[in-house]
PDB file of N, CA and C in Angstrom:
ATOM      1  N   MET A   1      16.500 -29.112  -2.040  1.00  0.00           N
ATOM      2  CA  MET A   1      16.225 -27.897  -1.294  1.00  0.00           C
ATOM      3  C   MET A   1      14.719 -27.782  -1.062  1.00  0.00           C
ATOM      4  N   ALA A   2      14.355 -27.465   0.142  1.00  0.00           N
ATOM      5  CA  ALA A   2      12.933 -27.352   0.488  1.00  0.00           C
ATOM      6  C   ALA A   2      12.335 -26.105  -0.160  1.00  0.00           C
ATOM      7  N   GLU A   3      11.097 -26.247  -0.605  1.00  0.00           N
ATOM      8  CA  GLU A   3      10.402 -25.102  -1.193  1.00  0.00           C
ATOM      9  C   GLU A   3      10.002 -24.134  -0.101  1.00  0.00           C
ATOM     10  N   LYS A   4      10.187 -22.858  -0.353  1.00  0.00           N
ATOM     11  CA  LYS A   4       9.789 -21.856   0.633  1.00  0.00           C
ATOM     12  C   LYS A   4       8.300 -21.589   0.462  1.00  0.00           C
ATOM     13  N   LYS A   5       7.550 -21.767   1.530  1.00  0.00           N
ATOM     14  CA  LYS A   5       6.105 -21.539   1.483  1.00  0.00           C
ATOM     15  C   LYS A   5       5.795 -20.150   2.011  1.00  0.00           C
ATOM     16  N   ALA A   6       4.787 -19.535   1.439  1.00  0.00           N
ATOM     17  CA  ALA A   6       4.362 -18.211   1.907  1.00  0.00           C
ATOM     18  C   ALA A   6       3.788 -18.333   3.313  1.00  0.00           C
ATOM     19  N   ASN A   7       4.074 -17.353   4.121  1.00  0.00           N
ATOM     20  CA  ASN A   7       3.540 -17.308   5.477  1.00  0.00           C
ATOM     21  C   ASN A   7       2.022 -17.181   5.366  1.00  0.00           C
ATOM     22  N   PRO A   8       1.258 -18.148   5.922  1.00  0.00           N
ATOM     23  CA  PRO A   8      -0.204 -18.090   5.784  1.00  0.00           C
ATOM     24  C   PRO A   8      -0.807 -16.794   6.337  1.00  0.00           C
ATOM     25  N   ALA A   9      -0.185 -16.238   7.378  1.00  0.00           N
ATOM     26  CA  ALA A   9      -0.704 -14.990   7.945  1.00  0.00           C
ATOM     27  C   ALA A   9      -0.604 -13.850   6.938  1.00  0.00           C
ATOM     28  N   LEU A  10       0.439 -13.869   6.118  1.00  0.00           N
ATOM     29  CA  LEU A  10       0.600 -12.818   5.102  1.00  0.00           C
ATOM     30  C   LEU A  10      -0.412 -12.957   3.975  1.00  0.00           C
ATOM     31  N   MET A  11      -0.888 -14.164   3.753  1.00  0.00           N
ATOM     32  CA  MET A  11      -1.792 -14.401   2.632  1.00  0.00           C
ATOM     33  C   MET A  11      -3.268 -14.272   3.027  1.00  0.00           C
ATOM     34  N   LYS A  12      -3.526 -13.990   4.300  1.00  0.00           N
ATOM     35  CA  LYS A  12      -4.898 -13.837   4.773  1.00  0.00           C
ATOM     36  C   LYS A  12      -5.502 -12.568   4.157  1.00  0.00           C
ATOM     37  N   PRO A  13      -6.652 -12.687   3.511  1.00  0.00           N
ATOM     38  CA  PRO A  13      -7.271 -11.491   2.933  1.00  0.00           C
ATOM     39  C   PRO A  13      -7.690 -10.497   4.013  1.00  0.00           C
ATOM     40  N   LEU A  14      -7.344  -9.239   3.805  1.00  0.00           N
ATOM     41  CA  LEU A  14      -7.685  -8.165   4.731  1.00  0.00           C
ATOM     42  C   LEU A  14      -8.574  -7.157   4.010  1.00  0.00           C
ATOM     43  N   THR A  15      -9.480  -6.552   4.745  1.00  0.00           N
ATOM     44  CA  THR A  15     -10.414  -5.592   4.156  1.00  0.00           C
ATOM     45  C   THR A  15      -9.822  -4.191   4.249  1.00  0.00           C
ATOM     46  N   PRO A  16      -9.694  -3.508   3.099  1.00  0.00           N
ATOM     47  CA  PRO A  16      -9.173  -2.145   3.139  1.00  0.00           C
ATOM     48  C   PRO A  16     -10.195  -1.157   3.701  1.00  0.00           C
ATOM     49  N   SER A  17      -9.699  -0.127   4.375  1.00  0.00           N
ATOM     50  CA  SER A  17     -10.566   0.946   4.864  1.00  0.00           C
ATOM     51  C   SER A  17     -11.153   1.677   3.645  1.00  0.00           C
ATOM     52  N   PRO A  18     -12.187   2.478   3.831  1.00  0.00           N
ATOM     53  CA  PRO A  18     -12.737   3.244   2.700  1.00  0.00           C
ATOM     54  C   PRO A  18     -11.682   4.126   2.025  1.00  0.00           C
ATOM     55  N   GLU A  19     -10.755   4.688   2.820  1.00  0.00           N
ATOM     56  CA  GLU A  19      -9.703   5.533   2.248  1.00  0.00           C
ATOM     57  C   GLU A  19      -8.776   4.719   1.344  1.00  0.00           C
ATOM     58  N   LEU A  20      -8.366   3.548   1.825  1.00  0.00           N
ATOM     59  CA  LEU A  20      -7.476   2.700   1.028  1.00  0.00           C
ATOM     60  C   LEU A  20      -8.225   2.070  -0.145  1.00  0.00           C
ATOM     61  N   ALA A  21      -9.503   1.768   0.048  1.00  0.00           N
ATOM     62  CA  ALA A  21     -10.319   1.177  -1.029  1.00  0.00           C
ATOM     63  C   ALA A  21     -10.386   2.103  -2.246  1.00  0.00           C
ATOM     64  N   ALA A  22     -10.257   3.404  -2.037  1.00  0.00           N
ATOM     65  CA  ALA A  22     -10.257   4.354  -3.155  1.00  0.00           C
ATOM     66  C   ALA A  22      -9.066   4.113  -4.081  1.00  0.00           C
ATOM     67  N   VAL A  23      -8.026   3.459  -3.566  1.00  0.00           N
ATOM     68  CA  VAL A  23      -6.826   3.182  -4.362  1.00  0.00           C
ATOM     69  C   VAL A  23      -6.801   1.731  -4.850  1.00  0.00           C
ATOM     70  N   VAL A  24      -7.122   0.774  -3.967  1.00  0.00           N
ATOM     71  CA  VAL A  24      -6.950  -0.653  -4.301  1.00  0.00           C
ATOM     72  C   VAL A  24      -8.257  -1.405  -4.534  1.00  0.00           C
ATOM     73  N   GLY A  25      -9.386  -0.748  -4.341  1.00  0.00           N
ATOM     74  CA  GLY A  25     -10.673  -1.439  -4.463  1.00  0.00           C
ATOM     75  C   GLY A  25     -11.112  -1.951  -3.099  1.00  0.00           C
ATOM     76  N   SER A  26     -12.368  -2.311  -2.980  1.00  0.00           N
ATOM     77  CA  SER A  26     -12.916  -2.661  -1.667  1.00  0.00           C
ATOM     78  C   SER A  26     -12.886  -4.156  -1.359  1.00  0.00           C
ATOM     79  N   ASP A  27     -12.473  -4.995  -2.307  1.00  0.00           N
ATOM     80  CA  ASP A  27     -12.426  -6.437  -2.054  1.00  0.00           C
ATOM     81  C   ASP A  27     -11.306  -6.769  -1.070  1.00  0.00           C
ATOM     82  N   PRO A  28     -11.536  -7.744  -0.172  1.00  0.00           N
ATOM     83  CA  PRO A  28     -10.461  -8.185   0.727  1.00  0.00           C
ATOM     84  C   PRO A  28      -9.290  -8.749  -0.090  1.00  0.00           C
ATOM     85  N   LEU A  29      -8.071  -8.359   0.287  1.00  0.00           N
ATOM     86  CA  LEU A  29      -6.864  -8.793  -0.419  1.00  0.00           C
ATOM     87  C   LEU A  29      -5.777  -9.146   0.586  1.00  0.00           C
ATOM     88  N   PRO A  30      -4.878 -10.081   0.222  1.00  0.00           N
ATOM     89  CA  PRO A  30      -3.715 -10.331   1.079  1.00  0.00           C
ATOM     90  C   PRO A  30      -2.806  -9.096   1.098  1.00  0.00           C
ATOM     91  N   ARG A  31      -2.118  -8.870   2.200  1.00  0.00           N
ATOM     92  CA  ARG A  31      -1.248  -7.702   2.361  1.00  0.00           C
ATOM     93  C   ARG A  31      -0.276  -7.504   1.181  1.00  0.00           C
ATOM     94  N   PRO A  32       0.439  -8.564   0.720  1.00  0.00           N
ATOM     95  CA  PRO A  32       1.379  -8.332  -0.397  1.00  0.00           C
ATOM     96  C   PRO A  32       0.682  -7.796  -1.653  1.00  0.00           C
ATOM     97  N   GLU A  33      -0.550  -8.235  -1.886  1.00  0.00           N
ATOM     98  CA  GLU A  33      -1.296  -7.764  -3.055  1.00  0.00           C
ATOM     99  C   GLU A  33      -1.698  -6.297  -2.899  1.00  0.00           C
ATOM    100  N   VAL A  34      -2.045  -5.901  -1.674  1.00  0.00           N
ATOM    101  CA  VAL A  34      -2.380  -4.501  -1.397  1.00  0.00           C
ATOM    102  C   VAL A  34      -1.168  -3.624  -1.693  1.00  0.00           C
ATOM    103  N   VAL A  35      -0.008  -4.025  -1.177  1.00  0.00           N
ATOM    104  CA  VAL A  35       1.228  -3.255  -1.383  1.00  0.00           C
ATOM    105  C   VAL A  35       1.534  -3.161  -2.878  1.00  0.00           C
ATOM    106  N   SER A  36       1.375  -4.268  -3.588  1.00  0.00           N
ATOM    107  CA  SER A  36       1.615  -4.283  -5.031  1.00  0.00           C
ATOM    108  C   SER A  36       0.676  -3.317  -5.765  1.00  0.00           C
ATOM    109  N   LYS A  37      -0.604  -3.328  -5.396  1.00  0.00           N
ATOM    110  CA  LYS A  37      -1.575  -2.433  -6.044  1.00  0.00           C
ATOM    111  C   LYS A  37      -1.277  -0.963  -5.736  1.00  0.00           C
ATOM    112  N   VAL A  38      -0.844  -0.686  -4.511  1.00  0.00           N
ATOM    113  CA  VAL A  38      -0.488   0.691  -4.159  1.00  0.00           C
ATOM    114  C   VAL A  38       0.718   1.133  -4.989  1.00  0.00           C
ATOM    115  N   TRP A  39       1.716   0.252  -5.150  1.00  0.00           N
ATOM    116  CA  TRP A  39       2.874   0.597  -5.980  1.00  0.00           C
ATOM    117  C   TRP A  39       2.456   0.808  -7.431  1.00  0.00           C
ATOM    118  N   ASP A  40       1.553  -0.022  -7.937  1.00  0.00           N
ATOM    119  CA  ASP A  40       1.055   0.172  -9.312  1.00  0.00           C
ATOM    120  C   ASP A  40       0.425   1.552  -9.445  1.00  0.00           C
ATOM    121  N   TYR A  41      -0.352   1.942  -8.449  1.00  0.00           N
ATOM    122  CA  TYR A  41      -1.021   3.249  -8.440  1.00  0.00           C
ATOM    123  C   TYR A  41       0.025   4.375  -8.409  1.00  0.00           C
ATOM    124  N   ILE A  42       1.030   4.234  -7.546  1.00  0.00           N
ATOM    125  CA  ILE A  42       2.090   5.246  -7.414  1.00  0.00           C
ATOM    126  C   ILE A  42       2.807   5.425  -8.753  1.00  0.00           C
ATOM    127  N   LYS A  43       3.137   4.316  -9.406  1.00  0.00           N
ATOM    128  CA  LYS A  43       3.861   4.389 -10.684  1.00  0.00           C
ATOM    129  C   LYS A  43       2.971   4.937 -11.798  1.00  0.00           C
ATOM    130  N   LYS A  44       1.726   4.490 -11.837  1.00  0.00           N
ATOM    131  CA  LYS A  44       0.791   4.942 -12.872  1.00  0.00           C
ATOM    132  C   LYS A  44       0.577   6.456 -12.808  1.00  0.00           C
ATOM    133  N   HIS A  45       0.538   7.010 -11.580  1.00  0.00           N
ATOM    134  CA  HIS A  45       0.273   8.431 -11.393  1.00  0.00           C
ATOM    135  C   HIS A  45       1.550   9.241 -11.142  1.00  0.00           C
ATOM    136  N   ASP A  46       2.712   8.579 -11.346  1.00  0.00           N
ATOM    137  CA  ASP A  46       4.006   9.256 -11.254  1.00  0.00           C
ATOM    138  C   ASP A  46       4.153  10.015  -9.930  1.00  0.00           C
ATOM    139  N   LEU A  47       3.974   9.295  -8.809  1.00  0.00           N
ATOM    140  CA  LEU A  47       3.969   9.925  -7.491  1.00  0.00           C
ATOM    141  C   LEU A  47       5.282   9.773  -6.726  1.00  0.00           C
ATOM    142  N   GLN A  48       6.309   9.231  -7.392  1.00  0.00           N
ATOM    143  CA  GLN A  48       7.612   9.171  -6.735  1.00  0.00           C
ATOM    144  C   GLN A  48       8.334  10.496  -6.967  1.00  0.00           C
ATOM    145  N   ASN A  49       8.987  10.999  -5.940  1.00  0.00           N
ATOM    146  CA  ASN A  49       9.769  12.227  -6.055  1.00  0.00           C
ATOM    147  C   ASN A  49      10.920  11.969  -7.041  1.00  0.00           C
ATOM    148  N   PRO A  50      11.001  12.721  -8.140  1.00  0.00           N
ATOM    149  CA  PRO A  50      12.070  12.462  -9.129  1.00  0.00           C
ATOM    150  C   PRO A  50      13.482  12.649  -8.554  1.00  0.00           C
ATOM    151  N   GLN A  51      13.637  13.529  -7.552  1.00  0.00           N
ATOM    152  CA  GLN A  51      14.954  13.734  -6.948  1.00  0.00           C
ATOM    153  C   GLN A  51      15.290  12.662  -5.915  1.00  0.00           C
ATOM    154  N   ASN A  52      14.264  12.001  -5.368  1.00  0.00           N
ATOM    155  CA  ASN A  52      14.476  10.983  -4.344  1.00  0.00           C
ATOM    156  C   ASN A  52      13.406   9.914  -4.533  1.00  0.00           C
ATOM    157  N   LYS A  53      13.730   8.881  -5.300  1.00  0.00           N
ATOM    158  CA  LYS A  53      12.755   7.853  -5.673  1.00  0.00           C
ATOM    159  C   LYS A  53      12.181   7.104  -4.472  1.00  0.00           C
ATOM    160  N   ARG A  54      12.845   7.208  -3.308  1.00  0.00           N
ATOM    161  CA  ARG A  54      12.336   6.528  -2.110  1.00  0.00           C
ATOM    162  C   ARG A  54      11.186   7.296  -1.476  1.00  0.00           C
ATOM    163  N   GLU A  55      10.959   8.517  -1.927  1.00  0.00           N
ATOM    164  CA  GLU A  55       9.902   9.351  -1.351  1.00  0.00           C
ATOM    165  C   GLU A  55       8.664   9.318  -2.250  1.00  0.00           C
ATOM    166  N   ILE A  56       7.510   9.157  -1.616  1.00  0.00           N
ATOM    167  CA  ILE A  56       6.235   9.113  -2.331  1.00  0.00           C
ATOM    168  C   ILE A  56       5.472  10.390  -2.008  1.00  0.00           C
ATOM    169  N   ILE A  57       5.016  11.050  -3.056  1.00  0.00           N
ATOM    170  CA  ILE A  57       4.248  12.279  -2.900  1.00  0.00           C
ATOM    171  C   ILE A  57       2.774  11.890  -2.983  1.00  0.00           C
ATOM    172  N   ALA A  58       2.052  12.088  -1.894  1.00  0.00           N
ATOM    173  CA  ALA A  58       0.652  11.657  -1.825  1.00  0.00           C
ATOM    174  C   ALA A  58      -0.237  12.585  -2.652  1.00  0.00           C
ATOM    175  N   ASP A  59      -1.109  11.981  -3.460  1.00  0.00           N
ATOM    176  CA  ASP A  59      -2.130  12.762  -4.162  1.00  0.00           C
ATOM    177  C   ASP A  59      -3.394  12.770  -3.304  1.00  0.00           C
ATOM    178  N   GLU A  60      -4.494  13.249  -3.855  1.00  0.00           N
ATOM    179  CA  GLU A  60      -5.719  13.383  -3.050  1.00  0.00           C
ATOM    180  C   GLU A  60      -6.267  12.037  -2.570  1.00  0.00           C
ATOM    181  N   LYS A  61      -5.941  10.925  -3.246  1.00  0.00           N
ATOM    182  CA  LYS A  61      -6.406   9.606  -2.792  1.00  0.00           C
ATOM    183  C   LYS A  61      -5.479   9.006  -1.741  1.00  0.00           C
ATOM    184  N   LEU A  62      -4.188   9.265  -1.857  1.00  0.00           N
ATOM    185  CA  LEU A  62      -3.235   8.683  -0.906  1.00  0.00           C
ATOM    186  C   LEU A  62      -3.088   9.502   0.369  1.00  0.00           C
ATOM    187  N   GLN A  63      -3.390  10.776   0.306  1.00  0.00           N
ATOM    188  CA  GLN A  63      -3.228  11.626   1.486  1.00  0.00           C
ATOM    189  C   GLN A  63      -4.028  11.121   2.699  1.00  0.00           C
ATOM    190  N   PRO A  64      -5.304  10.719   2.529  1.00  0.00           N
ATOM    191  CA  PRO A  64      -6.040  10.193   3.689  1.00  0.00           C
ATOM    192  C   PRO A  64      -5.442   8.879   4.228  1.00  0.00           C
ATOM    193  N   VAL A  65      -4.783   8.107   3.369  1.00  0.00           N
ATOM    194  CA  VAL A  65      -4.167   6.846   3.795  1.00  0.00           C
ATOM    195  C   VAL A  65      -2.878   7.130   4.574  1.00  0.00           C
ATOM    196  N   PHE A  66      -2.053   8.026   4.041  1.00  0.00           N
ATOM    197  CA  PHE A  66      -0.760   8.323   4.665  1.00  0.00           C
ATOM    198  C   PHE A  66      -0.886   9.332   5.800  1.00  0.00           C
ATOM    199  N   GLY A  67      -1.889  10.196   5.734  1.00  0.00           N
ATOM    200  CA  GLY A  67      -2.060  11.216   6.760  1.00  0.00           C
ATOM    201  C   GLY A  67      -1.124  12.398   6.609  1.00  0.00           C
ATOM    202  N   LYS A  68      -0.380  12.450   5.511  1.00  0.00           N
ATOM    203  CA  LYS A  68       0.508  13.583   5.242  1.00  0.00           C
ATOM    204  C   LYS A  68       0.850  13.632   3.758  1.00  0.00           C
ATOM    205  N   ASP A  69       1.561  14.681   3.343  1.00  0.00           N
ATOM    206  CA  ASP A  69       1.847  14.914   1.924  1.00  0.00           C
ATOM    207  C   ASP A  69       2.894  13.988   1.324  1.00  0.00           C
ATOM    208  N   ARG A  70       3.876  13.604   2.144  1.00  0.00           N
ATOM    209  CA  ARG A  70       4.980  12.783   1.643  1.00  0.00           C
ATOM    210  C   ARG A  70       5.336  11.710   2.656  1.00  0.00           C
ATOM    211  N   VAL A  71       5.662  10.525   2.157  1.00  0.00           N
ATOM    212  CA  VAL A  71       6.168   9.448   3.014  1.00  0.00           C
ATOM    213  C   VAL A  71       7.304   8.758   2.275  1.00  0.00           C
ATOM    214  N   THR A  72       8.175   8.088   3.030  1.00  0.00           N
ATOM    215  CA  THR A  72       9.198   7.273   2.383  1.00  0.00           C
ATOM    216  C   THR A  72       8.590   5.908   2.090  1.00  0.00           C
ATOM    217  N   MET A  73       9.200   5.196   1.179  1.00  0.00           N
ATOM    218  CA  MET A  73       8.682   3.856   0.844  1.00  0.00           C
ATOM    219  C   MET A  73       8.728   2.943   2.071  1.00  0.00           C
ATOM    220  N   PHE A  74       9.618   3.249   3.021  1.00  0.00           N
ATOM    221  CA  PHE A  74       9.734   2.428   4.232  1.00  0.00           C
ATOM    222  C   PHE A  74       8.603   2.730   5.215  1.00  0.00           C
ATOM    223  N   GLU A  75       8.157   3.971   5.246  1.00  0.00           N
ATOM    224  CA  GLU A  75       7.032   4.362   6.114  1.00  0.00           C
ATOM    225  C   GLU A  75       5.704   3.858   5.564  1.00  0.00           C
ATOM    226  N   MET A  76       5.631   3.699   4.249  1.00  0.00           N
ATOM    227  CA  MET A  76       4.370   3.405   3.575  1.00  0.00           C
ATOM    228  C   MET A  76       3.653   2.198   4.192  1.00  0.00           C
ATOM    229  N   ASN A  77       4.376   1.112   4.451  1.00  0.00           N
ATOM    230  CA  ASN A  77       3.736  -0.106   4.966  1.00  0.00           C
ATOM    231  C   ASN A  77       3.101   0.121   6.328  1.00  0.00           C
ATOM    232  N   LYS A  78       3.726   0.961   7.155  1.00  0.00           N
ATOM    233  CA  LYS A  78       3.161   1.278   8.472  1.00  0.00           C
ATOM    234  C   LYS A  78       1.804   1.973   8.285  1.00  0.00           C
ATOM    235  N   HIS A  79       1.747   2.898   7.341  1.00  0.00           N
ATOM    236  CA  HIS A  79       0.492   3.607   7.087  1.00  0.00           C
ATOM    237  C   HIS A  79      -0.564   2.676   6.487  1.00  0.00           C
ATOM    238  N   LEU A  80      -0.135   1.781   5.601  1.00  0.00           N
ATOM    239  CA  LEU A  80      -1.091   0.833   4.997  1.00  0.00           C
ATOM    240  C   LEU A  80      -1.678  -0.086   6.063  1.00  0.00           C
ATOM    241  N   SER A  81      -0.871  -0.502   7.031  1.00  0.00           N
ATOM    242  CA  SER A  81      -1.345  -1.411   8.076  1.00  0.00           C
ATOM    243  C   SER A  81      -2.523  -0.841   8.844  1.00  0.00           C
ATOM    244  N   ARG A  82      -2.522   0.469   9.034  1.00  0.00           N
ATOM    245  CA  ARG A  82      -3.624   1.111   9.757  1.00  0.00           C
ATOM    246  C   ARG A  82      -4.927   1.074   8.975  1.00  0.00           C
ATOM    247  N   HIS A  83      -4.846   0.775   7.694  1.00  0.00           N
ATOM    248  CA  HIS A  83      -6.018   0.781   6.833  1.00  0.00           C
ATOM    249  C   HIS A  83      -6.427  -0.609   6.370  1.00  0.00           C
ATOM    250  N   LEU A  84      -5.861  -1.632   6.994  1.00  0.00           N
ATOM    251  CA  LEU A  84      -6.216  -3.014   6.665  1.00  0.00           C
ATOM    252  C   LEU A  84      -6.784  -3.700   7.894  1.00  0.00           C
ATOM    253  N   HIS A  85      -7.948  -4.326   7.732  1.00  0.00           N
ATOM    254  CA  HIS A  85      -8.642  -4.941   8.872  1.00  0.00           C
ATOM    255  C   HIS A  85      -9.027  -6.373   8.524  1.00  0.00           C
ATOM    256  N   SER A  86      -8.919  -7.252   9.520  1.00  0.00           N
ATOM    257  CA  SER A  86      -9.293  -8.658   9.271  1.00  0.00           C
ATOM    258  C   SER A  86     -10.768  -8.873   9.455  1.00  0.00           C
TER     259      SER A  86
END
């Protein structure tokens, strides 16, 4: 069976915006690593809605990234994309 290789475009380091850097740091990171760090932050600060784990409640650092108080985990990547630059 052939080994599955990571898509090189996904592994390209991207620079986070100042708003996103407040959560993940300012070093360029590949998109999957950014998403992982954001999830670590969400879990560390208990930002998932206890009644609906798919919903993320933005704190003062995530609000500028998401642009609103709450997002679903599916919306999150769309908002993160706006804050990542090559």
